[in-house]
Amino acid sequence: MVTTFTETKTHYTMSKMGQIAAMVQDGRSDDLKKMIEVTERNERSHVFFLGKQYTLSDAKQILIFMQDAERKIHRNKQSSQ
């Protein structure tokens, strides 16, 4: 069994990195975090995210990237105020 994430906002084709970047801009890394938590709770090894299957390890690396990018955006917003 694979845990799935369905993108509801985007109706156009975008690269995976573009989709991830859009999620980061929207502050939506928690979507992936929840998917990872469900996958671990169900003792599964893969996450289906943005139309692609990722190993749990790869999904965690993507989450780290997303959270880091969100922190940078937040810091930049704070410093510009």
PDB file of N, CA and C in Angstrom:
ATOM      1  N   MET A   1       0.843  -1.191   0.000  1.00  0.00           N
ATOM      2  CA  MET A   1       0.000   0.000   0.000  1.00  0.00           C
ATOM      3  C   MET A   1       0.880   1.243   0.000  1.00  0.00           C
ATOM      4  N   VAL A   2       0.456   2.243  -0.738  1.00  0.00           N
ATOM      5  CA  VAL A   2       1.204   3.484  -0.867  1.00  0.00           C
ATOM      6  C   VAL A   2       0.325   4.628  -0.377  1.00  0.00           C
ATOM      7  N   THR A   3       0.878   5.509   0.442  1.00  0.00           N
ATOM      8  CA  THR A   3       0.162   6.686   0.891  1.00  0.00           C
ATOM      9  C   THR A   3       0.157   7.704  -0.235  1.00  0.00           C
ATOM     10  N   THR A   4      -0.984   8.356  -0.477  1.00  0.00           N
ATOM     11  CA  THR A   4      -1.068   9.277  -1.603  1.00  0.00           C
ATOM     12  C   THR A   4      -1.336  10.703  -1.150  1.00  0.00           C
ATOM     13  N   PHE A   5      -0.859  11.629  -1.934  1.00  0.00           N
ATOM     14  CA  PHE A   5      -1.120  13.057  -1.747  1.00  0.00           C
ATOM     15  C   PHE A   5      -1.721  13.553  -3.045  1.00  0.00           C
ATOM     16  N   THR A   6      -2.838  14.219  -2.970  1.00  0.00           N
ATOM     17  CA  THR A   6      -3.481  14.741  -4.169  1.00  0.00           C
ATOM     18  C   THR A   6      -3.392  16.255  -4.174  1.00  0.00           C
ATOM     19  N   GLU A   7      -2.811  16.790  -5.194  1.00  0.00           N
ATOM     20  CA  GLU A   7      -2.699  18.244  -5.357  1.00  0.00           C
ATOM     21  C   GLU A   7      -4.027  18.755  -5.892  1.00  0.00           C
ATOM     22  N   THR A   8      -4.661  19.679  -5.167  1.00  0.00           N
ATOM     23  CA  THR A   8      -5.967  20.167  -5.596  1.00  0.00           C
ATOM     24  C   THR A   8      -5.915  21.566  -6.192  1.00  0.00           C
ATOM     25  N   LYS A   9      -4.884  22.351  -5.874  1.00  0.00           N
ATOM     26  CA  LYS A   9      -4.831  23.731  -6.351  1.00  0.00           C
ATOM     27  C   LYS A   9      -4.336  23.833  -7.790  1.00  0.00           C
ATOM     28  N   THR A  10      -3.348  23.045  -8.164  1.00  0.00           N
ATOM     29  CA  THR A  10      -2.672  23.208  -9.436  1.00  0.00           C
ATOM     30  C   THR A  10      -3.324  22.326 -10.490  1.00  0.00           C
ATOM     31  N   HIS A  11      -3.790  22.939 -11.564  1.00  0.00           N
ATOM     32  CA  HIS A  11      -4.438  22.197 -12.636  1.00  0.00           C
ATOM     33  C   HIS A  11      -3.617  22.215 -13.915  1.00  0.00           C
ATOM     34  N   TYR A  12      -2.396  22.657 -13.843  1.00  0.00           N
ATOM     35  CA  TYR A  12      -1.555  22.717 -15.020  1.00  0.00           C
ATOM     36  C   TYR A  12      -0.296  21.898 -14.766  1.00  0.00           C
ATOM     37  N   THR A  13       0.371  21.509 -15.833  1.00  0.00           N
ATOM     38  CA  THR A  13       1.557  20.689 -15.723  1.00  0.00           C
ATOM     39  C   THR A  13       2.743  21.544 -15.299  1.00  0.00           C
ATOM     40  N   MET A  14       3.471  21.052 -14.300  1.00  0.00           N
ATOM     41  CA  MET A  14       4.629  21.749 -13.774  1.00  0.00           C
ATOM     42  C   MET A  14       5.652  20.681 -13.385  1.00  0.00           C
ATOM     43  N   SER A  15       6.915  21.012 -13.469  1.00  0.00           N
ATOM     44  CA  SER A  15       7.939  20.051 -13.055  1.00  0.00           C
ATOM     45  C   SER A  15       7.780  19.753 -11.576  1.00  0.00           C
ATOM     46  N   LYS A  16       8.334  18.649 -11.135  1.00  0.00           N
ATOM     47  CA  LYS A  16       8.264  18.288  -9.706  1.00  0.00           C
ATOM     48  C   LYS A  16       8.906  19.376  -8.855  1.00  0.00           C
ATOM     49  N   MET A  17      10.060  19.875  -9.274  1.00  0.00           N
ATOM     50  CA  MET A  17      10.715  20.936  -8.504  1.00  0.00           C
ATOM     51  C   MET A  17       9.856  22.193  -8.491  1.00  0.00           C
ATOM     52  N   GLY A  18       9.192  22.481  -9.591  1.00  0.00           N
ATOM     53  CA  GLY A  18       8.300  23.627  -9.651  1.00  0.00           C
ATOM     54  C   GLY A  18       7.114  23.461  -8.708  1.00  0.00           C
ATOM     55  N   GLN A  19       6.571  22.243  -8.665  1.00  0.00           N
ATOM     56  CA  GLN A  19       5.460  21.962  -7.760  1.00  0.00           C
ATOM     57  C   GLN A  19       5.908  22.087  -6.304  1.00  0.00           C
ATOM     58  N   ILE A  20       7.088  21.571  -6.002  1.00  0.00           N
ATOM     59  CA  ILE A  20       7.616  21.662  -4.640  1.00  0.00           C
ATOM     60  C   ILE A  20       7.871  23.124  -4.286  1.00  0.00           C
ATOM     61  N   ALA A  21       8.443  23.881  -5.212  1.00  0.00           N
ATOM     62  CA  ALA A  21       8.695  25.307  -4.967  1.00  0.00           C
ATOM     63  C   ALA A  21       7.388  26.055  -4.694  1.00  0.00           C
ATOM     64  N   ALA A  22       6.339  25.727  -5.434  1.00  0.00           N
ATOM     65  CA  ALA A  22       5.039  26.366  -5.215  1.00  0.00           C
ATOM     66  C   ALA A  22       4.504  26.028  -3.822  1.00  0.00           C
ATOM     67  N   MET A  23       4.685  24.793  -3.402  1.00  0.00           N
ATOM     68  CA  MET A  23       4.247  24.392  -2.062  1.00  0.00           C
ATOM     69  C   MET A  23       5.037  25.137  -0.992  1.00  0.00           C
ATOM     70  N   VAL A  24       6.332  25.306  -1.221  1.00  0.00           N
ATOM     71  CA  VAL A  24       7.170  26.047  -0.273  1.00  0.00           C
ATOM     72  C   VAL A  24       6.680  27.480  -0.176  1.00  0.00           C
ATOM     73  N   GLN A  25       6.402  28.106  -1.309  1.00  0.00           N
ATOM     74  CA  GLN A  25       5.905  29.487  -1.315  1.00  0.00           C
ATOM     75  C   GLN A  25       4.599  29.611  -0.538  1.00  0.00           C
ATOM     76  N   ASP A  26       3.781  28.558  -0.589  1.00  0.00           N
ATOM     77  CA  ASP A  26       2.500  28.552   0.118  1.00  0.00           C
ATOM     78  C   ASP A  26       2.638  28.082   1.561  1.00  0.00           C
ATOM     79  N   GLY A  27       3.860  27.713   1.982  1.00  0.00           N
ATOM     80  CA  GLY A  27       4.083  27.240   3.342  1.00  0.00           C
ATOM     81  C   GLY A  27       3.416  25.905   3.625  1.00  0.00           C
ATOM     82  N   ARG A  28       3.480  25.007   2.652  1.00  0.00           N
ATOM     83  CA  ARG A  28       2.743  23.749   2.748  1.00  0.00           C
ATOM     84  C   ARG A  28       3.621  22.516   2.949  1.00  0.00           C
ATOM     85  N   SER A  29       4.772  22.663   3.570  1.00  0.00           N
ATOM     86  CA  SER A  29       5.605  21.483   3.810  1.00  0.00           C
ATOM     87  C   SER A  29       4.924  20.520   4.779  1.00  0.00           C
ATOM     88  N   ASP A  30       3.988  21.022   5.579  1.00  0.00           N
ATOM     89  CA  ASP A  30       3.272  20.142   6.500  1.00  0.00           C
ATOM     90  C   ASP A  30       2.470  19.072   5.778  1.00  0.00           C
ATOM     91  N   ASP A  31       2.070  19.342   4.525  1.00  0.00           N
ATOM     92  CA  ASP A  31       1.359  18.323   3.749  1.00  0.00           C
ATOM     93  C   ASP A  31       2.235  17.077   3.598  1.00  0.00           C
ATOM     94  N   LEU A  32       3.479  17.287   3.217  1.00  0.00           N
ATOM     95  CA  LEU A  32       4.398  16.159   3.060  1.00  0.00           C
ATOM     96  C   LEU A  32       4.727  15.546   4.411  1.00  0.00           C
ATOM     97  N   LYS A  33       4.898  16.373   5.419  1.00  0.00           N
ATOM     98  CA  LYS A  33       5.198  15.859   6.759  1.00  0.00           C
ATOM     99  C   LYS A  33       4.091  14.913   7.234  1.00  0.00           C
ATOM    100  N   LYS A  34       2.848  15.294   7.012  1.00  0.00           N
ATOM    101  CA  LYS A  34       1.716  14.443   7.400  1.00  0.00           C
ATOM    102  C   LYS A  34       1.724  13.138   6.620  1.00  0.00           C
ATOM    103  N   MET A  35       2.058  13.221   5.338  1.00  0.00           N
ATOM    104  CA  MET A  35       2.124  12.008   4.514  1.00  0.00           C
ATOM    105  C   MET A  35       3.192  11.049   5.037  1.00  0.00           C
ATOM    106  N   ILE A  36       4.327  11.601   5.416  1.00  0.00           N
ATOM    107  CA  ILE A  36       5.414  10.782   5.961  1.00  0.00           C
ATOM    108  C   ILE A  36       4.973  10.140   7.271  1.00  0.00           C
ATOM    109  N   GLU A  37       4.315  10.915   8.126  1.00  0.00           N
ATOM    110  CA  GLU A  37       3.847  10.378   9.406  1.00  0.00           C
ATOM    111  C   GLU A  37       2.857   9.237   9.208  1.00  0.00           C
ATOM    112  N   VAL A  38       1.936   9.397   8.267  1.00  0.00           N
ATOM    113  CA  VAL A  38       0.963   8.347   7.980  1.00  0.00           C
ATOM    114  C   VAL A  38       1.667   7.107   7.440  1.00  0.00           C
ATOM    115  N   THR A  39       2.621   7.317   6.551  1.00  0.00           N
ATOM    116  CA  THR A  39       3.375   6.202   5.979  1.00  0.00           C
ATOM    117  C   THR A  39       4.108   5.425   7.070  1.00  0.00           C
ATOM    118  N   GLU A  40       4.753   6.144   7.980  1.00  0.00           N
ATOM    119  CA  GLU A  40       5.478   5.485   9.074  1.00  0.00           C
ATOM    120  C   GLU A  40       4.514   4.767  10.014  1.00  0.00           C
ATOM    121  N   ARG A  41       3.407   5.410  10.326  1.00  0.00           N
ATOM    122  CA  ARG A  41       2.420   4.808  11.224  1.00  0.00           C
ATOM    123  C   ARG A  41       1.862   3.515  10.633  1.00  0.00           C
ATOM    124  N   ASN A  42       1.706   3.490   9.316  1.00  0.00           N
ATOM    125  CA  ASN A  42       1.196   2.300   8.630  1.00  0.00           C
ATOM    126  C   ASN A  42       2.298   1.315   8.254  1.00  0.00           C
ATOM    127  N   GLU A  43       3.516   1.621   8.692  1.00  0.00           N
ATOM    128  CA  GLU A  43       4.681   0.765   8.440  1.00  0.00           C
ATOM    129  C   GLU A  43       4.877   0.485   6.954  1.00  0.00           C
ATOM    130  N   ARG A  44       4.754   1.531   6.161  1.00  0.00           N
ATOM    131  CA  ARG A  44       4.975   1.445   4.719  1.00  0.00           C
ATOM    132  C   ARG A  44       6.352   1.999   4.387  1.00  0.00           C
ATOM    133  N   SER A  45       6.808   1.751   3.175  1.00  0.00           N
ATOM    134  CA  SER A  45       8.160   2.177   2.808  1.00  0.00           C
ATOM    135  C   SER A  45       8.187   3.235   1.706  1.00  0.00           C
ATOM    136  N   HIS A  46       7.011   3.570   1.166  1.00  0.00           N
ATOM    137  CA  HIS A  46       6.964   4.540   0.069  1.00  0.00           C
ATOM    138  C   HIS A  46       5.849   5.554   0.286  1.00  0.00           C
ATOM    139  N   VAL A  47       6.097   6.771  -0.207  1.00  0.00           N
ATOM    140  CA  VAL A  47       5.121   7.856  -0.155  1.00  0.00           C
ATOM    141  C   VAL A  47       4.808   8.249  -1.593  1.00  0.00           C
ATOM    142  N   PHE A  48       3.533   8.355  -1.929  1.00  0.00           N
ATOM    143  CA  PHE A  48       3.125   8.825  -3.250  1.00  0.00           C
ATOM    144  C   PHE A  48       2.798  10.300  -3.104  1.00  0.00           C
ATOM    145  N   PHE A  49       3.634  11.140  -3.698  1.00  0.00           N
ATOM    146  CA  PHE A  49       3.582  12.583  -3.482  1.00  0.00           C
ATOM    147  C   PHE A  49       3.747  13.300  -4.805  1.00  0.00           C
ATOM    148  N   LEU A  50       2.807  14.183  -5.121  1.00  0.00           N
ATOM    149  CA  LEU A  50       2.843  14.950  -6.370  1.00  0.00           C
ATOM    150  C   LEU A  50       2.953  14.049  -7.593  1.00  0.00           C
ATOM    151  N   GLY A  51       2.207  12.963  -7.578  1.00  0.00           N
ATOM    152  CA  GLY A  51       2.138  12.079  -8.735  1.00  0.00           C
ATOM    153  C   GLY A  51       3.314  11.152  -8.912  1.00  0.00           C
ATOM    154  N   LYS A  52       4.166  11.036  -7.906  1.00  0.00           N
ATOM    155  CA  LYS A  52       5.339  10.171  -8.024  1.00  0.00           C
ATOM    156  C   LYS A  52       5.541   9.415  -6.717  1.00  0.00           C
ATOM    157  N   GLN A  53       6.039   8.204  -6.839  1.00  0.00           N
ATOM    158  CA  GLN A  53       6.331   7.394  -5.665  1.00  0.00           C
ATOM    159  C   GLN A  53       7.769   7.624  -5.213  1.00  0.00           C
ATOM    160  N   TYR A  54       7.931   7.942  -3.933  1.00  0.00           N
ATOM    161  CA  TYR A  54       9.252   8.175  -3.346  1.00  0.00           C
ATOM    162  C   TYR A  54       9.477   7.207  -2.200  1.00  0.00           C
ATOM    163  N   THR A  55      10.733   6.801  -2.013  1.00  0.00           N
ATOM    164  CA  THR A  55      11.036   6.031  -0.817  1.00  0.00           C
ATOM    165  C   THR A  55      10.831   6.947   0.384  1.00  0.00           C
ATOM    166  N   LEU A  56      10.643   6.362   1.526  1.00  0.00           N
ATOM    167  CA  LEU A  56      10.462   7.148   2.738  1.00  0.00           C
ATOM    168  C   LEU A  56      11.677   8.034   2.976  1.00  0.00           C
ATOM    169  N   SER A  57      12.854   7.506   2.717  1.00  0.00           N
ATOM    170  CA  SER A  57      14.093   8.260   2.883  1.00  0.00           C
ATOM    171  C   SER A  57      14.135   9.473   1.950  1.00  0.00           C
ATOM    172  N   ASP A  58      13.783   9.279   0.685  1.00  0.00           N
ATOM    173  CA  ASP A  58      13.771  10.394  -0.275  1.00  0.00           C
ATOM    174  C   ASP A  58      12.728  11.438   0.117  1.00  0.00           C
ATOM    175  N   ALA A  59      11.558  10.983   0.564  1.00  0.00           N
ATOM    176  CA  ALA A  59      10.507  11.917   0.980  1.00  0.00           C
ATOM    177  C   ALA A  59      10.981  12.760   2.160  1.00  0.00           C
ATOM    178  N   LYS A  60      11.711  12.145   3.076  1.00  0.00           N
ATOM    179  CA  LYS A  60      12.234  12.890   4.221  1.00  0.00           C
ATOM    180  C   LYS A  60      13.261  13.931   3.777  1.00  0.00           C
ATOM    181  N   GLN A  61      14.074  13.603   2.785  1.00  0.00           N
ATOM    182  CA  GLN A  61      15.047  14.565   2.263  1.00  0.00           C
ATOM    183  C   GLN A  61      14.341  15.738   1.584  1.00  0.00           C
ATOM    184  N   ILE A  62      13.277  15.446   0.846  1.00  0.00           N
ATOM    185  CA  ILE A  62      12.498  16.518   0.211  1.00  0.00           C
ATOM    186  C   ILE A  62      11.893  17.408   1.291  1.00  0.00           C
ATOM    187  N   LEU A  63      11.386  16.797   2.358  1.00  0.00           N
ATOM    188  CA  LEU A  63      10.805  17.571   3.459  1.00  0.00           C
ATOM    189  C   LEU A  63      11.846  18.482   4.099  1.00  0.00           C
ATOM    190  N   ILE A  64      13.035  17.987   4.314  1.00  0.00           N
ATOM    191  CA  ILE A  64      14.108  18.815   4.881  1.00  0.00           C
ATOM    192  C   ILE A  64      14.376  20.014   3.978  1.00  0.00           C
ATOM    193  N   PHE A  65      14.453  19.768   2.681  1.00  0.00           N
ATOM    194  CA  PHE A  65      14.659  20.855   1.715  1.00  0.00           C
ATOM    195  C   PHE A  65      13.524  21.880   1.802  1.00  0.00           C
ATOM    196  N   MET A  66      12.281  21.394   1.843  1.00  0.00           N
ATOM    197  CA  MET A  66      11.123  22.286   1.883  1.00  0.00           C
ATOM    198  C   MET A  66      11.108  23.121   3.163  1.00  0.00           C
ATOM    199  N   GLN A  67      11.365  22.479   4.297  1.00  0.00           N
ATOM    200  CA  GLN A  67      11.351  23.199   5.573  1.00  0.00           C
ATOM    201  C   GLN A  67      12.463  24.240   5.625  1.00  0.00           C
ATOM    202  N   ASP A  68      13.634  23.895   5.098  1.00  0.00           N
ATOM    203  CA  ASP A  68      14.739  24.854   5.070  1.00  0.00           C
ATOM    204  C   ASP A  68      14.379  26.056   4.206  1.00  0.00           C
ATOM    205  N   ALA A  69      13.799  25.801   3.048  1.00  0.00           N
ATOM    206  CA  ALA A  69      13.402  26.893   2.154  1.00  0.00           C
ATOM    207  C   ALA A  69      12.330  27.766   2.810  1.00  0.00           C
ATOM    208  N   GLU A  70      11.384  27.152   3.516  1.00  0.00           N
ATOM    209  CA  GLU A  70      10.353  27.932   4.211  1.00  0.00           C
ATOM    210  C   GLU A  70      10.966  28.809   5.299  1.00  0.00           C
ATOM    211  N   ARG A  71      11.947  28.269   6.028  1.00  0.00           N
ATOM    212  CA  ARG A  71      12.622  29.067   7.067  1.00  0.00           C
ATOM    213  C   ARG A  71      13.338  30.263   6.450  1.00  0.00           C
ATOM    214  N   LYS A  72      13.984  30.052   5.302  1.00  0.00           N
ATOM    215  CA  LYS A  72      14.674  31.152   4.627  1.00  0.00           C
ATOM    216  C   LYS A  72      13.692  32.226   4.184  1.00  0.00           C
ATOM    217  N   ILE A  73      12.573  31.819   3.656  1.00  0.00           N
ATOM    218  CA  ILE A  73      11.547  32.781   3.237  1.00  0.00           C
ATOM    219  C   ILE A  73      11.066  33.567   4.444  1.00  0.00           C
ATOM    220  N   HIS A  74      10.813  32.883   5.539  1.00  0.00           N
ATOM    221  CA  HIS A  74      10.338  33.533   6.761  1.00  0.00           C
ATOM    222  C   HIS A  74      11.371  34.540   7.278  1.00  0.00           C
ATOM    223  N   ARG A  75      12.658  34.126   7.285  1.00  0.00           N
ATOM    224  CA  ARG A  75      13.721  35.038   7.735  1.00  0.00           C
ATOM    225  C   ARG A  75      13.805  36.261   6.832  1.00  0.00           C
ATOM    226  N   ASN A  76      13.710  36.062   5.534  1.00  0.00           N
ATOM    227  CA  ASN A  76      13.776  37.180   4.593  1.00  0.00           C
ATOM    228  C   ASN A  76      12.617  38.142   4.782  1.00  0.00           C
ATOM    229  N   LYS A  77      11.437  37.620   5.049  1.00  0.00           N
ATOM    230  CA  LYS A  77      10.279  38.480   5.297  1.00  0.00           C
ATOM    231  C   LYS A  77      10.471  39.289   6.572  1.00  0.00           C
ATOM    232  N   GLN A  78      11.020  38.649   7.608  1.00  0.00           N
ATOM    233  CA  GLN A  78      11.232  39.346   8.869  1.00  0.00           C
ATOM    234  C   GLN A  78      12.291  40.443   8.729  1.00  0.00           C
ATOM    235  N   SER A  79      13.358  40.157   8.008  1.00  0.00           N
ATOM    236  CA  SER A  79      14.442  41.141   7.878  1.00  0.00           C
ATOM    237  C   SER A  79      14.047  42.320   6.994  1.00  0.00           C
ATOM    238  N   SER A  80      13.069  42.134   6.125  1.00  0.00           N
ATOM    239  CA  SER A  80      12.648  43.228   5.243  1.00  0.00           C
ATOM    240  C   SER A  80      11.591  44.126   5.888  1.00  0.00           C
ATOM    241  N   GLN A  81      11.141  43.767   7.060  1.00  0.00           N
ATOM    242  CA  GLN A  81      10.104  44.574   7.732  1.00  0.00           C
ATOM    243  C   GLN A  81      10.707  45.660   8.569  1.00  0.00           C
TER     244      GLN A  81
END
